[in-house]
Amino acid sequence: MLAEQDAFEAERNARMVKAVYVYEAPLRLWHWVNALAITVLAITGYFIGKPLPSLSGDPSEQYLMGWIRFLHFAAAYVFAIGFIGRIYWAIVGNHHARQIFLLPILNRHWWSEVFYELKWYLFMVKEPKKYVGHNPLAQLMMFLFFTVGAVYMIITGFALYGEGLGVGSWADQMFGWAIAVLGGNSMQMHSMHRLGMWVTLCFVLVHVYAAIREDIMSRQSLISTMISGWRMFKD
């Protein structure tokens, strides 16, 4: 509890200055590589679920779906390895690197800030609050839709990947249990993985909208912060 109070006190003190170094270089690099991986995964995943029409010419000369699957698998490896690296940096990085993994759910002040931010996004209050790292509502949403969502997508995705590699492969041994939980229903796992893709895309849209909105309305940098690492307070 004392550590949480100290963190909130540090947040309040930091709001009094014009610029604070928040996101370290490894975290910023991960963010943009991860964004690219999600983009590739979403596009290729969509076409894997709804393949393109047959192409003209000799079938032996056509490998379009093969390349789409290859890009999907390659991006999945980047996404999964990057997530493991992100967990590592949450351990060795600064306080802000841990925000999307650890929620102070027992802290009443944190919850009051969550609901205040919700009212701010719903245009129910006139003045925004300043935060050095993620605001509490963003922290909660990142945990639910990215941290938990990433684990969900990795498990369901590599469970399906294990089917292609074959019984006894590393992916089958590590993630094949997920299909077994569904009674061996691979098609249901495909549907669950695809649903996860649409949920992720909806989150990405809200995430981008919120970042642009806060940059303008809250008078504090968000987009440039993920490039330079510095949070700039414009007022």
C-alpha atoms as a PDB file:
ATOM      1  CA  MET A   1       0.000   0.000   0.000  1.00  0.00           C
ATOM      2  CA  LEU A   2       2.848   2.399   0.825  1.00  0.00           C
ATOM      3  CA  ALA A   3       4.482   1.673  -2.513  1.00  0.00           C
ATOM      4  CA  GLU A   4       1.217   2.492  -4.314  1.00  0.00           C
ATOM      5  CA  GLN A   5       0.853   5.748  -2.365  1.00  0.00           C
ATOM      6  CA  ASP A   6       4.449   6.666  -3.216  1.00  0.00           C
ATOM      7  CA  ALA A   7       3.741   5.997  -6.891  1.00  0.00           C
ATOM      8  CA  PHE A   8       0.671   8.263  -6.865  1.00  0.00           C
ATOM      9  CA  GLU A   9       2.651  10.945  -4.990  1.00  0.00           C
ATOM     10  CA  ALA A  10       5.348  10.749  -7.647  1.00  0.00           C
ATOM     11  CA  GLU A  11       2.648  11.114 -10.307  1.00  0.00           C
ATOM     12  CA  ARG A  12       1.289  14.251  -8.632  1.00  0.00           C
ATOM     13  CA  ASN A  13       4.748  15.784  -8.273  1.00  0.00           C
ATOM     14  CA  ALA A  14       5.630  15.004 -11.884  1.00  0.00           C
ATOM     15  CA  ARG A  15       2.528  16.825 -13.098  1.00  0.00           C
ATOM     16  CA  MET A  16       4.082  20.067 -11.857  1.00  0.00           C
ATOM     17  CA  VAL A  17       6.898  19.944 -14.440  1.00  0.00           C
ATOM     18  CA  LYS A  18       6.692  20.442 -18.193  1.00  0.00           C
ATOM     19  CA  ALA A  19       8.461  17.282 -19.383  1.00  0.00           C
ATOM     20  CA  VAL A  20       9.130  13.868 -17.874  1.00  0.00           C
ATOM     21  CA  TYR A  21      11.088  10.968 -19.375  1.00  0.00           C
ATOM     22  CA  VAL A  22       8.605   8.084 -19.297  1.00  0.00           C
ATOM     23  CA  TYR A  23       9.170   5.340 -21.869  1.00  0.00           C
ATOM     24  CA  GLU A  24      12.642   3.882 -22.266  1.00  0.00           C
ATOM     25  CA  ALA A  25      14.073   3.004 -25.691  1.00  0.00           C
ATOM     26  CA  PRO A  26      13.471  -0.800 -25.559  1.00  0.00           C
ATOM     27  CA  LEU A  27       9.814  -0.231 -24.684  1.00  0.00           C
ATOM     28  CA  ARG A  28       9.348   2.270 -27.504  1.00  0.00           C
ATOM     29  CA  LEU A  29      11.012  -0.081 -30.008  1.00  0.00           C
ATOM     30  CA  TRP A  30       8.775  -2.918 -28.846  1.00  0.00           C
ATOM     31  CA  HIS A  31       5.675  -0.734 -29.232  1.00  0.00           C
ATOM     32  CA  TRP A  32       6.268   0.025 -32.909  1.00  0.00           C
ATOM     33  CA  VAL A  33       7.498  -3.464 -33.837  1.00  0.00           C
ATOM     34  CA  ASN A  34       4.462  -4.872 -32.057  1.00  0.00           C
ATOM     35  CA  ALA A  35       2.143  -2.485 -33.934  1.00  0.00           C
ATOM     36  CA  LEU A  36       3.635  -3.664 -37.242  1.00  0.00           C
ATOM     37  CA  ALA A  37       3.299  -7.318 -36.225  1.00  0.00           C
ATOM     38  CA  ILE A  38      -0.368  -6.846 -35.282  1.00  0.00           C
ATOM     39  CA  THR A  39      -1.032  -5.122 -38.616  1.00  0.00           C
ATOM     40  CA  VAL A  40       0.544  -8.004 -40.572  1.00  0.00           C
ATOM     41  CA  LEU A  41      -1.245 -10.591 -38.424  1.00  0.00           C
ATOM     42  CA  ALA A  42      -4.628  -8.932 -38.926  1.00  0.00           C
ATOM     43  CA  ILE A  43      -4.316  -8.587 -42.716  1.00  0.00           C
ATOM     44  CA  THR A  44      -2.895 -12.048 -43.346  1.00  0.00           C
ATOM     45  CA  GLY A  45      -5.201 -13.626 -40.763  1.00  0.00           C
ATOM     46  CA  TYR A  46      -8.232 -12.182 -42.510  1.00  0.00           C
ATOM     47  CA  PHE A  47      -7.198 -13.713 -45.852  1.00  0.00           C
ATOM     48  CA  ILE A  48      -6.380 -17.048 -44.241  1.00  0.00           C
ATOM     49  CA  GLY A  49      -9.956 -17.151 -42.939  1.00  0.00           C
ATOM     50  CA  LYS A  50     -11.413 -15.828 -46.205  1.00  0.00           C
ATOM     51  CA  PRO A  51      -8.983 -16.862 -48.974  1.00  0.00           C
ATOM     52  CA  LEU A  52      -8.694 -14.911 -52.202  1.00  0.00           C
ATOM     53  CA  PRO A  53     -10.372 -16.239 -55.376  1.00  0.00           C
ATOM     54  CA  SER A  54      -8.396 -18.695 -57.489  1.00  0.00           C
ATOM     55  CA  LEU A  55      -5.718 -17.095 -59.640  1.00  0.00           C
ATOM     56  CA  SER A  56      -5.302 -17.730 -63.355  1.00  0.00           C
ATOM     57  CA  GLY A  57      -2.337 -19.702 -64.644  1.00  0.00           C
ATOM     58  CA  ASP A  58      -0.655 -22.943 -63.707  1.00  0.00           C
ATOM     59  CA  PRO A  59      -1.236 -23.825 -60.018  1.00  0.00           C
ATOM     60  CA  SER A  60       2.435 -24.766 -59.626  1.00  0.00           C
ATOM     61  CA  GLU A  61       3.379 -21.140 -60.281  1.00  0.00           C
ATOM     62  CA  GLN A  62       0.988 -19.700 -57.704  1.00  0.00           C
ATOM     63  CA  TYR A  63       2.104 -19.464 -54.089  1.00  0.00           C
ATOM     64  CA  LEU A  64       0.107 -16.449 -52.918  1.00  0.00           C
ATOM     65  CA  MET A  65      -1.649 -18.181 -50.010  1.00  0.00           C
ATOM     66  CA  GLY A  66       1.634 -19.807 -49.087  1.00  0.00           C
ATOM     67  CA  TRP A  67       3.266 -16.391 -48.750  1.00  0.00           C
ATOM     68  CA  ILE A  68       0.279 -15.078 -46.801  1.00  0.00           C
ATOM     69  CA  ARG A  69       0.553 -17.985 -44.356  1.00  0.00           C
ATOM     70  CA  PHE A  70       4.335 -17.518 -44.110  1.00  0.00           C
ATOM     71  CA  LEU A  71       3.949 -13.814 -43.274  1.00  0.00           C
ATOM     72  CA  HIS A  72       1.288 -14.664 -40.696  1.00  0.00           C
ATOM     73  CA  PHE A  73       3.489 -17.236 -38.983  1.00  0.00           C
ATOM     74  CA  ALA A  74       6.560 -14.960 -39.106  1.00  0.00           C
ATOM     75  CA  ALA A  75       4.596 -12.057 -37.583  1.00  0.00           C
ATOM     76  CA  ALA A  76       3.238 -14.435 -34.929  1.00  0.00           C
ATOM     77  CA  TYR A  77       6.774 -15.336 -33.887  1.00  0.00           C
ATOM     78  CA  VAL A  78       7.695 -11.638 -33.721  1.00  0.00           C
ATOM     79  CA  PHE A  79       4.575 -10.911 -31.665  1.00  0.00           C
ATOM     80  CA  ALA A  80       5.137 -13.800 -29.223  1.00  0.00           C
ATOM     81  CA  ILE A  81       8.873 -13.244 -28.766  1.00  0.00           C
ATOM     82  CA  GLY A  82       8.248  -9.512 -28.406  1.00  0.00           C
ATOM     83  CA  PHE A  83       5.669 -10.204 -25.691  1.00  0.00           C
ATOM     84  CA  ILE A  84       8.194 -12.305 -23.774  1.00  0.00           C
ATOM     85  CA  GLY A  85      10.694  -9.458 -24.150  1.00  0.00           C
ATOM     86  CA  ARG A  86       8.050  -7.012 -22.932  1.00  0.00           C
ATOM     87  CA  ILE A  87       7.552  -9.102 -19.779  1.00  0.00           C
ATOM     88  CA  TYR A  88      11.316  -9.059 -19.222  1.00  0.00           C
ATOM     89  CA  TRP A  89      11.417  -5.274 -19.580  1.00  0.00           C
ATOM     90  CA  ALA A  90       8.539  -4.944 -17.142  1.00  0.00           C
ATOM     91  CA  ILE A  91      10.872  -6.562 -14.602  1.00  0.00           C
ATOM     92  CA  VAL A  92      14.072  -4.613 -15.348  1.00  0.00           C
ATOM     93  CA  GLY A  93      12.581  -1.366 -16.705  1.00  0.00           C
ATOM     94  CA  ASN A  94      11.178   1.634 -14.869  1.00  0.00           C
ATOM     95  CA  HIS A  95       7.845   1.926 -13.055  1.00  0.00           C
ATOM     96  CA  HIS A  96       5.940   2.806 -16.222  1.00  0.00           C
ATOM     97  CA  ALA A  97       7.086  -0.389 -17.958  1.00  0.00           C
ATOM     98  CA  ARG A  98       5.085  -2.407 -15.420  1.00  0.00           C
ATOM     99  CA  GLN A  99       1.808  -0.523 -15.679  1.00  0.00           C
ATOM    100  CA  ILE A 100       0.100  -2.832 -18.193  1.00  0.00           C
ATOM    101  CA  PHE A 101       0.944  -5.906 -16.119  1.00  0.00           C
ATOM    102  CA  LEU A 102       0.249  -4.805 -12.549  1.00  0.00           C
ATOM    103  CA  LEU A 103      -2.999  -3.105 -11.570  1.00  0.00           C
ATOM    104  CA  PRO A 104      -3.436  -1.534  -8.109  1.00  0.00           C
ATOM    105  CA  ILE A 105      -6.946  -2.965  -7.871  1.00  0.00           C
ATOM    106  CA  LEU A 106      -7.028  -2.656  -4.064  1.00  0.00           C
ATOM    107  CA  ASN A 107      -6.325   1.072  -4.192  1.00  0.00           C
ATOM    108  CA  ARG A 108      -9.536   3.118  -3.888  1.00  0.00           C
ATOM    109  CA  HIS A 109      -7.886   6.257  -5.208  1.00  0.00           C
ATOM    110  CA  TRP A 110      -6.870   4.417  -8.379  1.00  0.00           C
ATOM    111  CA  TRP A 111     -10.456   3.306  -8.972  1.00  0.00           C
ATOM    112  CA  SER A 112     -11.741   6.829  -8.409  1.00  0.00           C
ATOM    113  CA  GLU A 113      -9.280   7.998 -11.073  1.00  0.00           C
ATOM    114  CA  VAL A 114     -10.511   5.236 -13.415  1.00  0.00           C
ATOM    115  CA  PHE A 115     -14.087   6.480 -13.126  1.00  0.00           C
ATOM    116  CA  TYR A 116     -13.010  10.097 -13.470  1.00  0.00           C
ATOM    117  CA  GLU A 117     -11.236   9.254 -16.726  1.00  0.00           C
ATOM    118  CA  LEU A 118     -14.318   7.366 -17.916  1.00  0.00           C
ATOM    119  CA  LYS A 119     -16.405  10.489 -17.319  1.00  0.00           C
ATOM    120  CA  TRP A 120     -13.765  12.553 -19.148  1.00  0.00           C
ATOM    121  CA  TYR A 121     -13.951  10.305 -22.199  1.00  0.00           C
ATOM    122  CA  LEU A 122     -17.755  10.486 -22.079  1.00  0.00           C
ATOM    123  CA  PHE A 123     -17.586  14.315 -22.009  1.00  0.00           C
ATOM    124  CA  MET A 124     -19.169  14.398 -18.546  1.00  0.00           C
ATOM    125  CA  VAL A 125     -16.398  16.530 -16.986  1.00  0.00           C
ATOM    126  CA  LYS A 126     -14.756  19.621 -18.401  1.00  0.00           C
ATOM    127  CA  GLU A 127     -11.180  19.365 -17.167  1.00  0.00           C
ATOM    128  CA  PRO A 128      -8.754  16.485 -17.808  1.00  0.00           C
ATOM    129  CA  LYS A 129      -6.208  15.273 -15.304  1.00  0.00           C
ATOM    130  CA  LYS A 130      -2.511  14.974 -16.098  1.00  0.00           C
ATOM    131  CA  TYR A 131      -0.693  11.651 -15.900  1.00  0.00           C
ATOM    132  CA  VAL A 132       2.942  10.825 -16.456  1.00  0.00           C
ATOM    133  CA  GLY A 133       2.378   7.253 -17.647  1.00  0.00           C
ATOM    134  CA  HIS A 134      -0.899   5.627 -18.637  1.00  0.00           C
ATOM    135  CA  ASN A 135      -3.963   7.181 -17.098  1.00  0.00           C
ATOM    136  CA  PRO A 136      -5.776   4.646 -14.853  1.00  0.00           C
ATOM    137  CA  LEU A 137      -8.521   3.888 -17.392  1.00  0.00           C
ATOM    138  CA  ALA A 138      -5.952   3.363 -20.156  1.00  0.00           C
ATOM    139  CA  GLN A 139      -3.947   1.154 -17.824  1.00  0.00           C
ATOM    140  CA  LEU A 140      -7.014  -0.994 -17.136  1.00  0.00           C
ATOM    141  CA  MET A 141      -7.926  -1.250 -20.824  1.00  0.00           C
ATOM    142  CA  MET A 142      -4.340  -2.093 -21.817  1.00  0.00           C
ATOM    143  CA  PHE A 143      -4.281  -4.879 -19.258  1.00  0.00           C
ATOM    144  CA  LEU A 144      -7.626  -6.351 -20.326  1.00  0.00           C
ATOM    145  CA  PHE A 145      -7.408  -5.963 -24.088  1.00  0.00           C
ATOM    146  CA  PHE A 146      -3.679  -6.187 -24.698  1.00  0.00           C
ATOM    147  CA  THR A 147      -1.979  -8.118 -21.893  1.00  0.00           C
ATOM    148  CA  VAL A 148      -4.772 -10.650 -21.412  1.00  0.00           C
ATOM    149  CA  GLY A 149      -5.648 -10.448 -25.110  1.00  0.00           C
ATOM    150  CA  ALA A 150      -2.061 -11.186 -26.169  1.00  0.00           C
ATOM    151  CA  VAL A 151      -1.961 -14.316 -23.999  1.00  0.00           C
ATOM    152  CA  TYR A 152      -5.283 -15.412 -25.502  1.00  0.00           C
ATOM    153  CA  MET A 153      -4.116 -14.873 -29.085  1.00  0.00           C
ATOM    154  CA  ILE A 154      -0.776 -16.604 -28.503  1.00  0.00           C
ATOM    155  CA  ILE A 155      -2.438 -19.675 -26.989  1.00  0.00           C
ATOM    156  CA  THR A 156      -5.156 -20.023 -29.628  1.00  0.00           C
ATOM    157  CA  GLY A 157      -2.815 -19.130 -32.511  1.00  0.00           C
ATOM    158  CA  PHE A 158      -0.012 -21.504 -31.640  1.00  0.00           C
ATOM    159  CA  ALA A 159      -2.522 -24.259 -30.844  1.00  0.00           C
ATOM    160  CA  LEU A 160      -3.675 -24.002 -34.469  1.00  0.00           C
ATOM    161  CA  TYR A 161      -0.060 -23.720 -35.640  1.00  0.00           C
ATOM    162  CA  GLY A 162       0.713 -26.956 -33.799  1.00  0.00           C
ATOM    163  CA  GLU A 163      -1.871 -28.758 -35.914  1.00  0.00           C
ATOM    164  CA  GLY A 164       0.063 -27.844 -39.037  1.00  0.00           C
ATOM    165  CA  LEU A 165       3.406 -28.843 -37.544  1.00  0.00           C
ATOM    166  CA  GLY A 166       1.963 -32.177 -36.511  1.00  0.00           C
ATOM    167  CA  VAL A 167       1.373 -34.237 -33.385  1.00  0.00           C
ATOM    168  CA  GLY A 168       4.356 -34.155 -31.053  1.00  0.00           C
ATOM    169  CA  SER A 169       5.727 -30.855 -32.393  1.00  0.00           C
ATOM    170  CA  TRP A 170       6.807 -28.204 -29.898  1.00  0.00           C
ATOM    171  CA  ALA A 171       3.690 -26.117 -30.601  1.00  0.00           C
ATOM    172  CA  ASP A 172       1.426 -29.149 -30.210  1.00  0.00           C
ATOM    173  CA  GLN A 173       3.060 -30.111 -26.917  1.00  0.00           C
ATOM    174  CA  MET A 174       2.900 -26.574 -25.498  1.00  0.00           C
ATOM    175  CA  PHE A 175      -0.480 -25.399 -26.816  1.00  0.00           C
ATOM    176  CA  GLY A 176      -2.327 -28.458 -28.126  1.00  0.00           C
ATOM    177  CA  TRP A 177      -4.159 -28.737 -24.816  1.00  0.00           C
ATOM    178  CA  ALA A 178      -6.212 -25.682 -25.806  1.00  0.00           C
ATOM    179  CA  ILE A 179      -7.865 -27.604 -28.649  1.00  0.00           C
ATOM    180  CA  ALA A 180      -8.293 -30.616 -26.377  1.00  0.00           C
ATOM    181  CA  VAL A 181     -10.208 -28.417 -23.926  1.00  0.00           C
ATOM    182  CA  LEU A 182     -12.691 -27.770 -26.744  1.00  0.00           C
ATOM    183  CA  GLY A 183     -13.090 -31.486 -27.294  1.00  0.00           C
ATOM    184  CA  GLY A 184     -10.687 -31.485 -30.217  1.00  0.00           C
ATOM    185  CA  ASN A 185     -12.871 -29.058 -32.164  1.00  0.00           C
ATOM    186  CA  SER A 186     -10.309 -27.299 -34.347  1.00  0.00           C
ATOM    187  CA  MET A 187     -12.925 -25.257 -36.196  1.00  0.00           C
ATOM    188  CA  GLN A 188     -14.174 -23.773 -32.942  1.00  0.00           C
ATOM    189  CA  MET A 189     -10.601 -22.790 -32.095  1.00  0.00           C
ATOM    190  CA  HIS A 190     -10.317 -21.102 -35.508  1.00  0.00           C
ATOM    191  CA  SER A 191     -13.490 -19.126 -34.755  1.00  0.00           C
ATOM    192  CA  MET A 192     -12.247 -18.117 -31.302  1.00  0.00           C
ATOM    193  CA  HIS A 193      -8.903 -16.986 -32.725  1.00  0.00           C
ATOM    194  CA  ARG A 194     -10.657 -14.990 -35.437  1.00  0.00           C
ATOM    195  CA  LEU A 195     -12.966 -13.386 -32.873  1.00  0.00           C
ATOM    196  CA  GLY A 196      -9.878 -12.375 -30.933  1.00  0.00           C
ATOM    197  CA  MET A 197      -8.573 -10.655 -34.064  1.00  0.00           C
ATOM    198  CA  TRP A 198     -11.708  -8.516 -34.385  1.00  0.00           C
ATOM    199  CA  VAL A 199     -11.654  -7.626 -30.678  1.00  0.00           C
ATOM    200  CA  THR A 200      -7.988  -6.621 -31.027  1.00  0.00           C
ATOM    201  CA  LEU A 201      -8.744  -4.460 -34.073  1.00  0.00           C
ATOM    202  CA  CYS A 202     -11.574  -2.699 -32.217  1.00  0.00           C
ATOM    203  CA  PHE A 203      -9.185  -2.037 -29.332  1.00  0.00           C
ATOM    204  CA  VAL A 204      -6.543  -0.674 -31.720  1.00  0.00           C
ATOM    205  CA  LEU A 205      -9.065   1.766 -33.216  1.00  0.00           C
ATOM    206  CA  VAL A 206     -10.091   3.013 -29.760  1.00  0.00           C
ATOM    207  CA  HIS A 207      -6.432   3.153 -28.695  1.00  0.00           C
ATOM    208  CA  VAL A 208      -5.448   5.339 -31.660  1.00  0.00           C
ATOM    209  CA  TYR A 209      -8.515   7.561 -31.224  1.00  0.00           C
ATOM    210  CA  ALA A 210      -7.809   8.030 -27.504  1.00  0.00           C
ATOM    211  CA  ALA A 211      -4.144   8.853 -28.144  1.00  0.00           C
ATOM    212  CA  ILE A 212      -5.001  11.545 -30.698  1.00  0.00           C
ATOM    213  CA  ARG A 213      -7.849  12.885 -28.565  1.00  0.00           C
ATOM    214  CA  GLU A 214      -5.691  13.157 -25.441  1.00  0.00           C
ATOM    215  CA  ASP A 215      -2.887  14.795 -27.396  1.00  0.00           C
ATOM    216  CA  ILE A 216      -5.316  17.550 -28.381  1.00  0.00           C
ATOM    217  CA  MET A 217      -7.809  17.860 -25.529  1.00  0.00           C
ATOM    218  CA  SER A 218      -5.706  16.948 -22.492  1.00  0.00           C
ATOM    219  CA  ARG A 219      -2.822  19.196 -23.570  1.00  0.00           C
ATOM    220  CA  GLN A 220      -0.217  16.471 -22.953  1.00  0.00           C
ATOM    221  CA  SER A 221       1.789  14.507 -25.495  1.00  0.00           C
ATOM    222  CA  LEU A 222       0.987  10.864 -26.203  1.00  0.00           C
ATOM    223  CA  ILE A 223       1.974   9.991 -29.762  1.00  0.00           C
ATOM    224  CA  SER A 224       5.292  11.839 -29.686  1.00  0.00           C
ATOM    225  CA  THR A 225       5.977  10.353 -26.247  1.00  0.00           C
ATOM    226  CA  MET A 226       6.095   6.884 -27.778  1.00  0.00           C
ATOM    227  CA  ILE A 227       8.720   8.194 -30.212  1.00  0.00           C
ATOM    228  CA  SER A 228      10.928  10.337 -27.968  1.00  0.00           C
ATOM    229  CA  GLY A 229      10.089   8.829 -24.588  1.00  0.00           C
ATOM    230  CA  TRP A 230       9.283  12.254 -23.105  1.00  0.00           C
ATOM    231  CA  ARG A 231       5.843  13.222 -21.845  1.00  0.00           C
ATOM    232  CA  MET A 232       5.312  16.904 -22.605  1.00  0.00           C
ATOM    233  CA  PHE A 233       2.760  18.949 -20.675  1.00  0.00           C
ATOM    234  CA  LYS A 234       1.534  21.829 -22.823  1.00  0.00           C
ATOM    235  CA  ASP A 235      -0.110  23.925 -20.101  1.00  0.00           C
END
